[in-house]
């Protein structure tokens, strides 16, 4: 099988590499190849067209693609909470949300956080223009932050926080979830065709993925070393920081919060509502939660499950 990630290899992906290296997929009869991605929307397209078997993609991007007709489903929610944040450098003058008025934040022009920024501003009680927004490419956001071209980035803190740490700097993270913007994050997607033709393989994949992922969460240093064998240039501290931040998103607040990977209608409906209002989802799309996800391919693991590597 092939698994495409959301973006190129980052320390936050150590859990996937470790799950593969520790034999969880082999134990299920799966020879897994983990591939870098180039954005969640592209990952959705690659899964739908059969270029790859499964993908790890942002829930909002998945829903928006489904609104355009993409025949895929979320089948295993690995991030029950999103990692959206404002990320600044320590000493920048930003330490709390109250410090944002008058500051400049950089964001990618077509990103979900750009589209949803008015929602965050509303939660803060701020008016348009009270925080200046500039557009920057993904590659230029951290260099621009370090060069003080702007005061903060709109970013996934599981990506930018460790990247800043790797450069010997300290990040200040203001989580959108603290404002009450607490949506599903990234999960595993499969095409409708794959779910029809080989549902057993998806169940075996999910079983391996869940066990391997939680094992890596419980053994961050070992998982970091697995990742470093595949991707060089990151110190233990940076990778374990990313793993810790990633694993903090495992568990949500809904009815299935104690079952790893499980989604529910209320959580999915929140994403649908945001996608319709902020993410440009086709207004004619009549998506319901049942169209978006399925828990039928899961054997969810409870909190504090002790996992043994094969």
Protein backbone atom coordinates (compact mmCIF):
# COMPACT_ATOMS: atom_id res chain seq x y z
CA UNK A 1 0.00 0.00 0.00
CA UNK A 2 0.95 3.63 -0.44
CA UNK A 3 0.22 6.40 2.06
CA UNK A 4 0.57 10.03 0.96
CA UNK A 5 1.12 12.61 3.70
CA UNK A 6 -0.25 16.15 3.69
CA UNK A 7 3.06 17.90 2.93
CA UNK A 8 6.75 17.11 2.60
CA UNK A 9 8.50 15.27 5.42
CA UNK A 10 8.51 17.14 8.74
CA UNK A 11 9.19 15.99 12.31
CA UNK A 12 5.44 15.74 12.89
CA UNK A 13 5.44 12.79 10.45
CA UNK A 14 7.74 10.73 12.65
CA UNK A 15 4.77 8.72 13.92
CA UNK A 16 4.00 7.38 10.46
CA UNK A 17 7.60 6.45 9.73
CA UNK A 18 7.98 4.77 13.12
CA UNK A 19 4.74 2.79 12.76
CA UNK A 20 6.08 1.44 9.49
CA UNK A 21 9.61 0.78 10.76
CA UNK A 22 8.42 -1.03 13.89
CA UNK A 23 6.53 -3.64 11.87
CA UNK A 24 2.93 -2.76 12.66
CA UNK A 25 1.93 -2.82 9.00
CA UNK A 26 3.97 -5.90 8.21
CA UNK A 27 2.10 -7.67 11.02
CA UNK A 28 -1.11 -6.98 9.08
CA UNK A 29 0.36 -8.28 5.82
CA UNK A 30 0.89 -4.77 4.42
CA UNK A 31 4.09 -3.58 2.72
CA UNK A 32 3.63 0.16 3.25
CA UNK A 33 5.34 3.01 1.41
CA UNK A 34 5.01 6.46 3.02
CA UNK A 35 5.17 9.31 0.51
CA UNK A 36 5.50 13.08 1.03
CA UNK A 37 2.59 15.26 -0.06
CA UNK A 38 2.20 18.75 -1.46
CA UNK A 39 -0.89 20.00 0.32
CA UNK A 40 -4.00 18.23 1.59
CA UNK A 41 -6.09 19.05 -1.46
CA UNK A 42 -3.54 17.37 -3.72
CA UNK A 43 -3.48 14.39 -1.37
CA UNK A 44 -7.27 14.10 -1.68
CA UNK A 45 -6.98 14.16 -5.47
CA UNK A 46 -4.21 11.54 -5.44
CA UNK A 47 -6.36 9.22 -3.33
CA UNK A 48 -9.49 9.71 -5.40
CA UNK A 49 -7.70 9.04 -8.70
CA UNK A 50 -5.97 5.92 -7.36
CA UNK A 51 -2.46 7.36 -7.52
CA UNK A 52 -2.12 6.27 -3.88
CA UNK A 53 -4.18 3.94 -1.69
CA UNK A 54 -4.75 6.21 1.30
CA UNK A 55 -3.83 9.71 2.40
CA UNK A 56 -3.44 11.85 5.50
CA UNK A 57 -5.31 15.07 4.86
CA UNK A 58 -6.88 18.05 6.59
CA UNK A 59 -10.55 17.52 7.36
CA UNK A 60 -11.58 20.92 6.01
CA UNK A 61 -9.70 20.36 2.74
CA UNK A 62 -11.30 16.93 2.44
CA UNK A 63 -14.81 18.29 2.99
CA UNK A 64 -14.25 21.12 0.51
CA UNK A 65 -13.01 18.62 -2.10
CA UNK A 66 -16.02 16.40 -1.42
CA UNK A 67 -18.22 19.44 -2.06
CA UNK A 68 -16.65 19.62 -5.52
CA UNK A 69 -17.48 15.96 -6.11
CA UNK A 70 -14.43 14.10 -4.78
CA UNK A 71 -15.41 10.50 -4.01
CA UNK A 72 -13.43 9.94 -0.81
CA UNK A 73 -14.18 9.44 2.87
CA UNK A 74 -12.43 10.12 6.15
CA UNK A 75 -12.00 6.71 7.77
CA UNK A 76 -9.64 7.25 10.74
CA UNK A 77 -9.34 10.54 12.62
CA UNK A 78 -5.77 10.78 13.90
CA UNK A 79 -6.10 14.45 14.86
CA UNK A 80 -9.30 14.91 16.83
CA UNK A 81 -8.39 18.58 17.24
CA UNK A 82 -6.87 21.02 14.77
CA UNK A 83 -3.40 22.53 15.11
CA UNK A 84 -4.32 26.00 13.79
CA UNK A 85 -2.40 28.72 15.60
CA UNK A 86 -0.74 32.11 15.51
CA UNK A 87 2.98 31.39 15.89
CA UNK A 88 5.42 34.13 16.91
CA UNK A 89 8.97 34.31 18.23
CA UNK A 90 9.68 34.82 21.89
CA UNK A 91 10.60 38.46 22.43
CA UNK A 92 8.51 39.64 19.47
CA UNK A 93 6.04 41.52 21.64
CA UNK A 94 3.41 38.81 21.23
CA UNK A 95 2.78 36.55 24.20
CA UNK A 96 -1.05 36.51 24.41
CA UNK A 97 -3.98 37.15 22.09
CA UNK A 98 -4.28 40.66 23.55
CA UNK A 99 -0.97 41.58 21.92
CA UNK A 100 -2.19 41.09 18.34
CA UNK A 101 -3.85 44.46 17.55
CA UNK A 102 -1.47 46.57 15.51
CA UNK A 103 0.72 43.60 14.62
CA UNK A 104 1.30 41.98 11.21
CA UNK A 105 0.72 38.29 10.55
CA UNK A 106 1.75 36.35 7.46
CA UNK A 107 -0.29 33.62 5.84
CA UNK A 108 -0.47 31.62 2.63
CA UNK A 109 -2.93 33.25 0.28
CA UNK A 110 -5.02 30.19 -0.54
CA UNK A 111 -4.81 28.44 2.81
CA UNK A 112 -7.70 27.44 5.05
CA UNK A 113 -6.42 29.59 7.90
CA UNK A 114 -6.47 32.65 5.64
CA UNK A 115 -10.10 31.99 4.79
CA UNK A 116 -10.99 31.36 8.44
CA UNK A 117 -9.07 34.31 9.90
CA UNK A 118 -12.24 36.48 10.02
CA UNK A 119 -13.73 33.85 12.33
CA UNK A 120 -10.73 34.14 14.67
CA UNK A 121 -10.93 37.93 14.57
CA UNK A 122 -14.61 37.75 15.47
CA UNK A 123 -13.83 35.48 18.42
CA UNK A 124 -11.26 38.04 19.58
CA UNK A 125 -13.74 40.91 19.24
CA UNK A 126 -11.48 42.62 16.72
CA UNK A 127 -12.49 44.51 13.59
CA UNK A 128 -10.98 44.03 10.11
CA UNK A 129 -7.72 45.93 9.85
CA UNK A 130 -6.87 45.82 13.54
CA UNK A 131 -4.41 43.06 12.67
CA UNK A 132 -2.53 43.53 9.40
CA UNK A 133 -2.40 40.41 7.18
CA UNK A 134 0.25 39.88 4.50
CA UNK A 135 0.55 36.96 2.12
CA UNK A 136 3.68 34.84 1.94
CA UNK A 137 4.67 31.55 0.40
CA UNK A 138 4.99 28.49 2.61
CA UNK A 139 8.76 28.50 2.15
CA UNK A 140 9.16 32.17 3.10
CA UNK A 141 7.02 32.30 6.24
CA UNK A 142 9.62 31.22 8.78
CA UNK A 143 12.56 33.10 7.16
CA UNK A 144 10.37 36.20 7.07
CA UNK A 145 9.45 35.73 10.72
CA UNK A 146 13.10 35.36 11.70
CA UNK A 147 13.98 38.47 9.68
CA UNK A 148 11.22 40.43 11.50
CA UNK A 149 9.45 41.16 8.22
CA UNK A 150 6.26 40.42 10.14
CA UNK A 151 5.36 39.65 13.72
CA UNK A 152 3.73 36.22 13.50
CA UNK A 153 2.57 33.47 11.16
CA UNK A 154 -0.80 31.81 10.79
CA UNK A 155 0.39 28.22 10.88
CA UNK A 156 -0.02 24.67 12.06
CA UNK A 157 1.90 24.77 15.31
CA UNK A 158 2.87 21.09 15.01
CA UNK A 159 4.82 22.14 11.89
CA UNK A 160 6.13 25.64 12.60
CA UNK A 161 6.84 25.24 16.32
CA UNK A 162 9.38 22.43 15.86
CA UNK A 163 10.80 24.14 12.76
CA UNK A 164 11.53 27.23 14.85
CA UNK A 165 12.99 25.06 17.61
CA UNK A 166 15.29 23.41 15.05
CA UNK A 167 16.74 26.86 14.33
CA UNK A 168 17.56 27.42 17.99
CA UNK A 169 14.69 29.86 18.60
CA UNK A 170 11.71 29.71 20.94
CA UNK A 171 8.19 29.83 19.55
CA UNK A 172 5.14 31.47 21.12
CA UNK A 173 2.02 29.52 20.16
CA UNK A 174 -1.49 30.96 20.38
CA UNK A 175 -3.86 28.08 19.65
CA UNK A 176 -7.10 28.76 17.83
CA UNK A 177 -8.68 26.01 19.93
CA UNK A 178 -8.32 28.33 22.94
CA UNK A 179 -10.71 30.69 21.14
CA UNK A 180 -13.28 27.93 20.77
CA UNK A 181 -12.30 27.18 17.14
CA UNK A 182 -11.72 23.50 17.80
CA UNK A 183 -12.36 21.49 14.66
CA UNK A 184 -11.30 18.05 13.50
CA UNK A 185 -7.75 18.12 12.16
CA UNK A 186 -6.13 15.57 9.86
CA UNK A 187 -7.30 12.03 9.28
CA UNK A 188 -6.87 9.07 6.98
CA UNK A 189 -8.85 9.20 3.74
CA UNK A 190 -9.66 6.46 1.25
CA UNK A 191 -11.54 6.56 -2.03
CA UNK A 192 -15.12 5.28 -2.24
CA UNK A 193 -13.88 2.84 -4.86
CA UNK A 194 -11.17 1.46 -2.55
CA UNK A 195 -13.68 1.07 0.26
CA UNK A 196 -15.91 -0.98 -2.03
CA UNK A 197 -13.28 -3.14 -3.65
CA UNK A 198 -10.97 -3.88 -0.71
CA UNK A 199 -12.55 -2.91 2.63
CA UNK A 200 -10.54 -5.56 4.47
CA UNK A 201 -7.26 -3.92 3.48
CA UNK A 202 -8.48 -0.58 4.82
CA UNK A 203 -9.45 -2.23 8.10
CA UNK A 204 -6.02 -3.87 8.38
CA UNK A 205 -4.34 -0.58 7.51
CA UNK A 206 -6.32 1.28 10.18
CA UNK A 207 -5.56 -1.39 12.75
CA UNK A 208 -1.83 -1.07 12.05
CA UNK A 209 -1.96 2.71 11.84
CA UNK A 210 -3.71 3.15 15.17
CA UNK A 211 -1.44 0.76 17.04
CA UNK A 212 1.73 2.12 15.46
CA UNK A 213 0.70 5.74 15.98
CA UNK A 214 -0.11 5.27 19.67
CA UNK A 215 3.05 3.20 20.17
CA UNK A 216 5.10 6.07 18.76
CA UNK A 217 3.29 8.53 21.04
CA UNK A 218 4.32 6.38 24.02
CA UNK A 219 7.92 6.01 22.78
CA UNK A 220 8.81 9.44 21.35
CA UNK A 221 12.58 9.08 21.45
CA UNK A 222 12.49 5.69 19.72
CA UNK A 223 10.11 7.12 17.13
CA UNK A 224 12.43 10.09 16.64
CA UNK A 225 15.33 7.77 15.93
CA UNK A 226 13.21 5.84 13.40
CA UNK A 227 12.41 9.12 11.65
CA UNK A 228 16.03 10.27 11.67
CA UNK A 229 17.04 7.14 9.76
CA UNK A 230 14.79 8.30 6.92
CA UNK A 231 15.02 12.10 7.20
CA UNK A 232 18.28 13.73 8.31
CA UNK A 233 18.90 17.15 9.79
CA UNK A 234 16.65 17.13 12.87
CA UNK A 235 17.85 16.74 16.44
CA UNK A 236 16.14 14.52 19.00
CA UNK A 237 14.69 17.52 20.82
CA UNK A 238 13.00 18.90 17.73
CA UNK A 239 11.45 15.60 16.66
CA UNK A 240 10.24 14.66 20.14
CA UNK A 241 8.74 18.15 20.49
CA UNK A 242 6.77 17.61 17.28
CA UNK A 243 5.68 14.14 18.38
CA UNK A 244 4.46 15.48 21.72
CA UNK A 245 2.48 18.25 20.07
CA UNK A 246 1.03 15.88 17.50
CA UNK A 247 0.00 13.32 20.09
CA UNK A 248 -1.70 16.01 22.19
CA UNK A 249 -4.27 16.22 19.36
CA UNK A 250 -5.22 12.52 19.51
CA UNK A 251 -8.28 12.89 21.69
CA UNK A 252 -11.28 15.14 21.17
CA UNK A 253 -14.26 16.24 23.24
CA UNK A 254 -17.22 14.54 21.56
CA UNK A 255 -19.08 11.30 22.30
CA UNK A 256 -16.24 9.24 20.85
CA UNK A 257 -13.48 11.17 22.64
CA UNK A 258 -12.21 8.09 24.48
CA UNK A 259 -11.96 6.03 21.30
CA UNK A 260 -8.98 6.87 19.12
CA UNK A 261 -9.89 7.63 15.53
CA UNK A 262 -13.65 7.80 15.98
CA UNK A 263 -15.66 10.65 14.44
CA UNK A 264 -19.23 11.74 15.15
CA UNK A 265 -21.94 13.63 13.27
CA UNK A 266 -21.72 16.74 15.46
CA UNK A 267 -17.98 17.12 14.94
CA UNK A 268 -18.28 16.61 11.19
CA UNK A 269 -21.19 19.05 10.97
CA UNK A 270 -19.02 21.75 12.58
CA UNK A 271 -16.48 21.30 9.79
CA UNK A 272 -19.23 21.35 7.16
CA UNK A 273 -20.62 24.60 8.55
CA UNK A 274 -17.20 26.26 8.54
CA UNK A 275 -16.45 24.95 5.04
CA UNK A 276 -19.67 26.44 3.70
CA UNK A 277 -19.14 29.81 5.36
CA UNK A 278 -15.38 30.28 5.06
CA UNK A 279 -13.73 27.69 2.82
CA UNK A 280 -15.66 28.27 -0.37
CA UNK A 281 -17.44 24.92 -0.43
CA UNK A 282 -19.97 24.73 -3.24
CA UNK A 283 -23.24 26.12 -1.89
CA UNK A 284 -25.13 23.55 -3.99
CA UNK A 285 -23.32 20.64 -2.36
CA UNK A 286 -25.79 18.80 -0.16
CA UNK A 287 -23.20 16.95 1.88
CA UNK A 288 -24.27 15.36 5.13
CA UNK A 289 -21.97 13.88 7.79
CA UNK A 290 -22.77 10.41 6.44
CA UNK A 291 -21.30 11.46 3.08
CA UNK A 292 -18.08 12.69 4.70
CA UNK A 293 -16.91 9.93 7.04
CA UNK A 294 -17.29 6.37 8.21
CA UNK A 295 -16.24 4.60 11.42
CA UNK A 296 -17.04 1.21 9.86
CA UNK A 297 -13.38 0.48 9.05
CA UNK A 298 -12.13 1.08 12.59
CA UNK A 299 -11.47 -0.98 15.67
CA UNK A 300 -10.93 2.04 17.90
CA UNK A 301 -8.41 1.91 20.71
CA UNK A 302 -9.24 3.36 24.14
CA UNK A 303 -7.15 5.83 26.10
CA UNK A 304 -4.23 4.38 28.00
CA UNK A 305 -4.15 1.28 25.79
CA UNK A 306 -0.75 -0.32 26.19
CA UNK A 307 0.62 -1.19 22.77
CA UNK A 308 3.42 -3.67 22.18
CA UNK A 309 5.47 -3.47 19.01
CA UNK A 310 5.37 -6.67 16.91
